[in-house]
Amino acid sequence: MKRMCRWGTMAIMAGLVLSGCGQTPKPNLVIPRETPDYKIYFSSNRDGGRELFRMDPDGEHQIRLTNSSGSKYFAVVTLDGSRVVYVNNDHGKRDIYSMAADGTDQRQLTHTGTDEFPRWSPDKKKIVFISARDGNREVYVMNADGSHQTRLTRTEAEESDAKWSPDGTQIAFVSTRANGDEDIYMMNADGSNQRNITHSPGLDWNPFWSPDGTRIGFVSTRDGNREIYTMNPDGSDPTNLTLNPADDGSGMFTWSMDGRSLPFVTIRDGNREIYIMNADGSNPRNLTHTAKAEEDDPVWLPDGRILFVTNRDGNWELYAMNKDGSGLVNLTHNPADDMRSLVTYNESGLDRKN
């Protein structure tokens, strides 16, 4: 497998309270709108082990939620902000847990020691995840309470990056089943009708649904370096958005809530900086401008700001800024490393190439 997870211990962002707005393009699709009513979830080693914390959008009221052996990371919050699913890596044994948003009612959902990267379905009834319990990494699904754990893919290849469509009817994922190269595949939510939608001579990974489900963003090396593309859900109309000789797919990228903008990480200035561009790739601009630091993993907050991690203070901290780069604020202010993953629409977390 050619993939590595850059932030294997980064934890989690934002339990949102979301509601539909306007017409929905597909049945059961929920289009989010901006709201100040949410919490930010993150992981920190400030107390020795890597535990999950929660804080208000302004960084106040930082509360530790977990306190047990093992490193907690990849926490993902339901769309309504009511429940969190996360991974506990205890001495190399990775299992999936869930808890209420305030840290109570913690439950172990899997017991194989090989399970990670869980993601809630939009209706929060199911969890898709990756497991190596049968010898290689495959896509599985289970009910929210951990029951009926079902294997959806059955190959000798490696599967990863399983992500629900916004309406919950499809799952995009990455597989090496075609000649050992990473391609993006699609299947129905029950595992049927699996098909390759990229067919590229390069590597394709990190499928990321637009909020209305009409486009999928992804990273590809088909042009010789990492670039950010979008395509239709059937793989048609692949479009290179970045078109730059530097690596533009070396870090996180994500859609804005209205689907019009994409913040992304690029090294075109010599270090990792956060840029933003229009959804068609036009008007890319640098938001961070920190030549002696590294910025990474931008994600939209429910109030319309962008959350990201940076080591500009000598350790990794969580910062937030407006979408034009103004209003920059350090949210964590702690000498330990504070990390995050993401929750945007129906999608969270990331298993990505580095």
Protein backbone atom coordinates (compact mmCIF):
# COMPACT_ATOMS: atom_id res chain seq x y z
CA MET A 1 0.00 0.00 0.00
CA LYS A 2 1.48 3.35 -1.03
CA ARG A 3 -0.49 5.40 1.45
CA MET A 4 0.55 6.81 4.77
CA CYS A 5 -1.67 8.68 7.24
CA ARG A 6 0.17 11.93 7.99
CA TRP A 7 -1.70 12.66 11.18
CA GLY A 8 -2.29 9.17 12.58
CA THR A 9 -3.00 10.71 15.99
CA MET A 10 -4.88 13.80 15.04
CA ALA A 11 -8.28 14.14 16.51
CA ILE A 12 -11.45 15.85 15.82
CA MET A 13 -13.42 18.82 14.93
CA ALA A 14 -16.87 20.07 15.33
CA GLY A 15 -20.18 18.59 16.34
CA LEU A 16 -22.54 20.61 14.24
CA VAL A 17 -26.19 21.35 14.47
CA LEU A 18 -27.25 21.43 10.85
CA SER A 19 -30.52 21.93 9.05
CA GLY A 20 -31.69 21.75 5.47
CA CYS A 21 -32.05 24.85 3.38
CA GLY A 22 -33.78 25.24 0.08
CA GLN A 23 -34.54 22.37 -2.23
CA THR A 24 -32.66 19.13 -1.72
CA PRO A 25 -31.12 17.69 -4.90
CA LYS A 26 -31.58 14.10 -3.67
CA PRO A 27 -33.90 12.36 -1.21
CA ASN A 28 -32.68 12.63 2.40
CA LEU A 29 -29.89 15.03 1.43
CA VAL A 30 -29.21 17.67 4.10
CA ILE A 31 -27.53 20.87 2.94
CA PRO A 32 -25.85 22.55 5.93
CA ARG A 33 -25.98 26.22 6.69
CA GLU A 34 -23.80 28.36 8.92
CA THR A 35 -24.56 28.21 12.63
CA PRO A 36 -22.77 29.39 15.80
CA ASP A 37 -24.18 26.44 17.75
CA TYR A 38 -21.45 23.78 17.80
CA LYS A 39 -18.44 22.43 19.67
CA ILE A 40 -14.90 21.70 18.48
CA TYR A 41 -13.47 18.28 19.28
CA PHE A 42 -9.71 17.75 19.25
CA SER A 43 -6.99 15.49 20.63
CA SER A 44 -4.09 16.56 22.82
CA ASN A 45 -1.22 14.97 24.73
CA ARG A 46 -1.28 17.76 27.33
CA ASP A 47 -2.05 15.26 30.11
CA GLY A 48 0.50 12.65 29.02
CA GLY A 49 -1.50 10.34 26.74
CA ARG A 50 -3.40 11.45 23.67
CA GLU A 51 -6.97 12.04 24.82
CA LEU A 52 -10.05 13.67 23.29
CA PHE A 53 -11.10 17.16 24.36
CA ARG A 54 -13.95 19.52 23.56
CA MET A 55 -14.07 23.31 23.47
CA ASP A 56 -16.31 26.20 22.51
CA PRO A 57 -15.81 27.93 19.12
CA ASP A 58 -13.77 30.68 20.81
CA GLY A 59 -11.46 28.15 22.50
CA GLU A 60 -13.06 28.55 25.93
CA HIS A 61 -14.20 25.72 28.24
CA GLN A 62 -11.69 23.09 27.11
CA ILE A 63 -12.92 19.84 28.66
CA ARG A 64 -11.24 16.44 28.62
CA LEU A 65 -13.69 13.74 27.49
CA THR A 66 -11.67 10.50 27.66
CA ASN A 67 -9.34 9.09 30.30
CA SER A 68 -8.12 5.56 29.64
CA SER A 69 -5.16 3.67 28.20
CA GLY A 70 -4.44 4.08 24.49
CA SER A 71 -4.26 7.05 22.12
CA LYS A 72 -7.60 8.43 20.97
CA TYR A 73 -7.91 9.97 17.53
CA PHE A 74 -10.06 10.24 14.43
CA ALA A 75 -13.12 11.38 16.37
CA VAL A 76 -16.16 11.98 14.18
CA VAL A 77 -19.37 13.68 15.28
CA THR A 78 -22.87 12.99 14.02
CA LEU A 79 -24.52 15.70 11.94
CA ASP A 80 -26.77 16.68 14.84
CA GLY A 81 -23.81 16.85 17.26
CA SER A 82 -25.26 14.23 19.60
CA ARG A 83 -22.68 11.44 19.43
CA VAL A 84 -18.98 10.90 18.71
CA VAL A 85 -17.26 7.88 17.20
CA TYR A 86 -13.48 7.54 17.55
CA VAL A 87 -10.50 5.18 17.45
CA ASN A 88 -8.62 3.99 20.52
CA ASN A 89 -5.13 2.67 19.73
CA ASP A 90 -4.07 0.72 22.80
CA HIS A 91 -0.56 -0.72 22.32
CA GLY A 92 -1.11 -1.18 18.59
CA LYS A 93 -4.63 -2.60 18.90
CA ARG A 94 -7.03 -0.23 17.14
CA ASP A 95 -10.72 -0.46 17.94
CA ILE A 96 -13.71 1.81 17.40
CA TYR A 97 -15.59 3.39 20.29
CA SER A 98 -18.50 5.79 20.58
CA MET A 99 -19.67 8.19 23.26
CA ALA A 100 -22.21 10.91 23.88
CA ALA A 101 -21.07 14.39 22.89
CA ASP A 102 -20.30 15.27 26.52
CA GLY A 103 -18.04 12.23 26.99
CA THR A 104 -20.55 10.05 28.82
CA ASP A 105 -21.84 6.64 27.70
CA GLN A 106 -18.54 5.44 26.24
CA ARG A 107 -18.93 2.13 24.39
CA GLN A 108 -16.49 -0.16 22.61
CA LEU A 109 -18.02 -1.10 19.25
CA THR A 110 -15.35 -3.37 17.73
CA HIS A 111 -12.98 -5.88 19.34
CA THR A 112 -10.58 -7.05 16.61
CA GLY A 113 -7.66 -4.66 17.20
CA THR A 114 -7.56 -3.83 13.47
CA ASP A 115 -10.36 -1.29 13.01
CA GLU A 116 -10.10 2.44 12.25
CA PHE A 117 -11.32 5.41 10.20
CA PRO A 118 -15.02 5.27 11.19
CA ARG A 119 -17.53 7.64 9.57
CA TRP A 120 -21.19 8.14 10.43
CA SER A 121 -23.83 7.77 7.76
CA PRO A 122 -25.81 11.01 7.27
CA ASP A 123 -28.77 9.57 9.20
CA LYS A 124 -26.35 8.43 12.01
CA LYS A 125 -27.78 4.90 11.87
CA LYS A 126 -24.66 3.25 10.45
CA ILE A 127 -20.87 3.56 10.57
CA VAL A 128 -18.57 2.70 7.69
CA PHE A 129 -15.00 1.80 8.66
CA ILE A 130 -11.80 0.09 7.55
CA SER A 131 -10.70 -3.20 9.07
CA ALA A 132 -7.83 -5.63 8.51
CA ARG A 133 -9.52 -8.37 10.54
CA ASP A 134 -9.56 -10.71 7.53
CA GLY A 135 -5.91 -10.19 6.60
CA ASN A 136 -6.02 -7.03 4.48
CA ARG A 137 -7.75 -3.68 4.76
CA GLU A 138 -11.35 -3.88 3.60
CA VAL A 139 -14.46 -1.69 3.88
CA TYR A 140 -16.99 -2.70 6.55
CA VAL A 141 -20.23 -1.25 7.81
CA MET A 142 -22.02 -1.66 11.15
CA ASN A 143 -25.02 -0.29 12.97
CA ALA A 144 -24.47 2.68 15.27
CA ASP A 145 -24.44 0.38 18.30
CA GLY A 146 -21.76 -1.88 16.77
CA SER A 147 -24.13 -4.67 15.77
CA HIS A 148 -24.28 -6.39 12.36
CA GLN A 149 -20.67 -5.75 11.33
CA THR A 150 -20.65 -6.54 7.61
CA ARG A 151 -17.80 -6.73 5.12
CA LEU A 152 -18.62 -4.79 1.94
CA THR A 153 -15.48 -5.43 -0.14
CA ARG A 154 -13.88 -8.81 -0.78
CA THR A 155 -10.56 -8.56 -2.59
CA GLU A 156 -6.91 -9.32 -1.90
CA ALA A 157 -6.15 -5.64 -2.47
CA GLU A 158 -6.11 -2.79 0.05
CA GLU A 159 -9.22 -0.62 0.47
CA SER A 160 -9.34 2.73 2.27
CA ASP A 161 -10.93 6.23 2.30
CA ALA A 162 -14.53 5.00 2.56
CA LYS A 163 -16.88 8.02 2.50
CA TRP A 164 -20.66 8.26 2.40
CA SER A 165 -22.42 10.31 -0.23
CA PRO A 166 -24.44 13.17 1.31
CA ASP A 167 -27.69 11.25 0.78
CA GLY A 168 -26.25 8.05 2.25
CA THR A 169 -26.98 5.87 -0.78
CA GLN A 170 -23.40 5.53 -2.10
CA ILE A 171 -19.92 4.98 -0.67
CA ALA A 172 -16.81 6.23 -2.46
CA PHE A 173 -13.59 4.44 -1.55
CA VAL A 174 -10.02 3.82 -2.70
CA SER A 175 -8.73 0.41 -3.81
CA THR A 176 -5.50 -1.03 -5.20
CA ARG A 177 -7.33 -3.90 -6.91
CA ALA A 178 -6.47 -2.59 -10.42
CA ASN A 179 -2.77 -3.31 -11.06
CA GLY A 180 -1.82 -2.30 -7.51
CA ASP A 181 -2.38 1.40 -8.18
CA GLU A 182 -4.79 3.43 -6.11
CA ASP A 183 -8.04 4.21 -7.91
CA ILE A 184 -11.34 5.60 -6.68
CA TYR A 185 -14.27 3.24 -6.68
CA MET A 186 -17.97 3.63 -6.00
CA MET A 187 -20.50 1.20 -4.54
CA ASN A 188 -24.02 1.20 -3.24
CA ALA A 189 -24.39 1.53 0.53
CA ASP A 190 -24.98 -2.24 0.80
CA GLY A 191 -21.73 -3.02 -1.07
CA SER A 192 -23.34 -3.87 -4.42
CA ASN A 193 -22.37 -2.46 -7.83
CA GLN A 194 -18.70 -1.80 -7.12
CA ARG A 195 -17.03 0.01 -10.02
CA ASN A 196 -13.82 1.90 -10.77
CA ILE A 197 -14.57 5.54 -11.60
CA THR A 198 -11.05 6.91 -12.23
CA HIS A 199 -9.11 4.41 -14.43
CA SER A 200 -6.05 6.66 -14.28
CA PRO A 201 -2.42 5.65 -14.95
CA GLY A 202 -1.47 7.71 -11.88
CA LEU A 203 -2.61 7.40 -8.29
CA ASP A 204 -6.06 8.70 -7.29
CA TRP A 205 -7.12 9.04 -3.66
CA ASN A 206 -9.02 11.05 -1.04
CA PRO A 207 -12.48 11.24 -2.64
CA PHE A 208 -14.37 14.13 -1.05
CA TRP A 209 -18.04 14.75 -1.83
CA SER A 210 -19.38 18.21 -2.52
CA PRO A 211 -22.16 19.12 -0.07
CA ASP A 212 -24.88 18.65 -2.70
CA GLY A 213 -23.42 15.36 -3.92
CA THR A 214 -22.99 16.50 -7.53
CA ARG A 215 -19.17 16.48 -7.60
CA ILE A 216 -16.35 14.55 -5.96
CA GLY A 217 -13.02 16.19 -5.24
CA PHE A 218 -9.91 14.01 -5.17
CA VAL A 219 -6.13 14.07 -5.42
CA SER A 220 -4.27 12.57 -8.37
CA THR A 221 -0.72 12.17 -9.67
CA ARG A 222 -1.87 11.57 -13.26
CA ASP A 223 -0.14 14.78 -14.39
CA GLY A 224 3.15 13.94 -12.69
CA ASN A 225 2.59 15.62 -9.31
CA ARG A 226 -0.18 15.85 -6.74
CA GLU A 227 -3.03 17.96 -8.02
CA ILE A 228 -6.61 18.49 -6.85
CA TYR A 229 -9.33 17.39 -9.25
CA THR A 230 -13.10 17.23 -9.28
CA MET A 231 -15.34 14.82 -11.20
CA ASN A 232 -18.94 13.72 -11.46
CA PRO A 233 -19.93 10.81 -9.19
CA ASP A 234 -19.75 8.44 -12.18
CA GLY A 235 -16.15 9.52 -12.89
CA SER A 236 -16.96 11.67 -15.92
CA ASP A 237 -15.65 15.19 -16.47
CA PRO A 238 -12.43 14.98 -14.40
CA THR A 239 -11.07 18.52 -14.04
CA ASN A 240 -7.65 19.60 -12.74
CA LEU A 241 -8.30 22.58 -10.44
CA THR A 242 -4.77 23.44 -9.32
CA LEU A 243 -2.50 23.10 -12.39
CA ASN A 244 0.73 23.94 -10.59
CA PRO A 245 4.15 22.22 -10.67
CA ALA A 246 4.19 22.19 -6.85
CA ASP A 247 2.33 19.59 -4.82
CA ASP A 248 -1.17 20.90 -4.16
CA GLY A 249 -2.61 17.66 -2.81
CA SER A 250 -0.08 17.19 -0.02
CA GLY A 251 -2.54 18.11 2.71
CA MET A 252 -6.21 18.39 3.46
CA PHE A 253 -8.74 20.08 1.21
CA THR A 254 -12.48 20.47 1.67
CA TRP A 255 -15.54 22.17 0.26
CA SER A 256 -17.20 25.23 1.72
CA MET A 257 -20.76 24.78 2.94
CA ASP A 258 -22.14 26.40 -0.18
CA GLY A 259 -19.85 24.35 -2.42
CA ARG A 260 -18.30 27.45 -3.99
CA SER A 261 -14.82 27.44 -2.40
CA LEU A 262 -12.11 24.93 -1.54
CA PRO A 263 -9.33 25.63 0.98
CA PHE A 264 -6.31 23.42 0.38
CA VAL A 265 -2.69 22.91 1.40
CA THR A 266 0.11 23.59 -1.07
CA ILE A 267 3.90 23.84 -1.03
CA ARG A 268 4.07 26.21 -4.00
CA ASP A 269 5.67 28.84 -1.71
CA GLY A 270 8.28 26.40 -0.36
CA ASN A 271 6.45 25.40 2.82
CA ARG A 272 2.97 24.17 3.65
CA GLU A 273 0.55 27.08 3.35
CA ILE A 274 -3.23 27.19 3.27
CA TYR A 275 -4.74 28.55 0.07
CA ILE A 276 -8.32 28.94 -1.01
CA MET A 277 -9.73 28.78 -4.54
CA ASN A 278 -13.09 28.90 -6.24
CA ALA A 279 -14.74 25.54 -6.89
CA ASP A 280 -13.69 25.76 -10.57
CA GLY A 281 -10.02 26.31 -9.57
CA SER A 282 -9.98 30.01 -10.31
CA ASN A 283 -8.56 32.75 -8.07
CA PRO A 284 -6.21 30.73 -5.81
CA ARG A 285 -4.81 32.87 -2.99
CA ASN A 286 -2.62 32.36 0.08
CA LEU A 287 -4.45 32.78 3.39
CA THR A 288 -1.65 32.13 5.91
CA HIS A 289 1.66 33.66 4.69
CA THR A 290 3.92 32.08 7.32
CA ALA A 291 7.21 31.32 5.58
CA LYS A 292 8.93 29.87 8.66
CA ALA A 293 6.08 27.63 9.81
CA GLU A 294 3.89 24.82 8.53
CA GLU A 295 0.12 25.06 8.19
CA ASP A 296 -2.03 22.03 7.52
CA ASP A 297 -5.47 20.40 7.55
CA PRO A 298 -7.90 23.28 6.90
CA VAL A 299 -11.56 22.52 7.48
CA TRP A 300 -14.70 24.65 7.54
CA LEU A 301 -16.22 25.43 10.89
CA PRO A 302 -20.02 25.68 11.14
CA ASP A 303 -19.78 29.45 11.70
CA GLY A 304 -18.06 29.96 8.32
CA ARG A 305 -14.49 30.21 9.59
CA ILE A 306 -11.62 27.86 8.68
CA LEU A 307 -9.98 25.71 11.36
CA PHE A 308 -6.41 24.54 10.80
CA VAL A 309 -3.28 23.34 12.60
CA THR A 310 0.03 25.22 12.65
CA ASN A 311 3.41 24.98 14.35
CA ARG A 312 4.08 28.74 14.12
CA ASP A 313 4.31 28.86 17.94
CA GLY A 314 6.85 26.03 18.18
CA ASN A 315 4.27 23.28 18.73
CA TRP A 316 1.08 22.24 16.99
CA GLU A 317 -1.88 24.45 17.88
CA LEU A 318 -5.41 24.83 16.56
CA TYR A 319 -6.09 28.18 14.91
CA ALA A 320 -9.18 29.62 13.24
CA MET A 321 -9.49 32.38 10.65
CA ASN A 322 -12.08 33.97 8.40
CA LYS A 323 -12.29 32.69 4.82
CA ASP A 324 -10.23 35.66 3.62
CA GLY A 325 -7.45 34.96 6.16
CA SER A 326 -8.46 37.75 8.56
CA GLY A 327 -9.53 37.32 12.18
CA LEU A 328 -6.72 34.86 12.99
CA VAL A 329 -6.94 33.41 16.52
CA ASN A 330 -5.10 30.69 18.46
CA LEU A 331 -7.80 28.51 20.05
CA THR A 332 -5.75 26.10 22.16
CA HIS A 333 -2.77 28.02 23.66
CA ASN A 334 -1.09 24.98 25.20
CA PRO A 335 2.57 23.86 25.16
CA ALA A 336 1.46 20.35 24.20
CA ASP A 337 0.55 19.31 20.67
CA ASP A 338 -3.14 19.85 19.94
CA MET A 339 -4.45 18.25 16.77
CA ARG A 340 -7.74 17.89 14.97
CA SER A 341 -9.49 16.02 12.25
CA LEU A 342 -12.68 17.21 10.65
CA VAL A 343 -16.39 17.13 10.48
CA THR A 344 -17.95 18.74 7.44
CA TYR A 345 -21.45 17.87 6.29
CA ASN A 346 -21.66 14.07 6.40
CA GLU A 347 -17.89 13.64 6.16
CA SER A 348 -15.03 13.51 8.65
CA GLY A 349 -11.49 12.42 9.13
CA LEU A 350 -8.91 11.52 6.61
CA ASP A 351 -6.67 8.64 5.63
CA ARG A 352 -4.50 10.32 3.08
CA LYS A 353 -1.25 10.01 1.24
CA ASN A 354 1.85 11.87 2.38
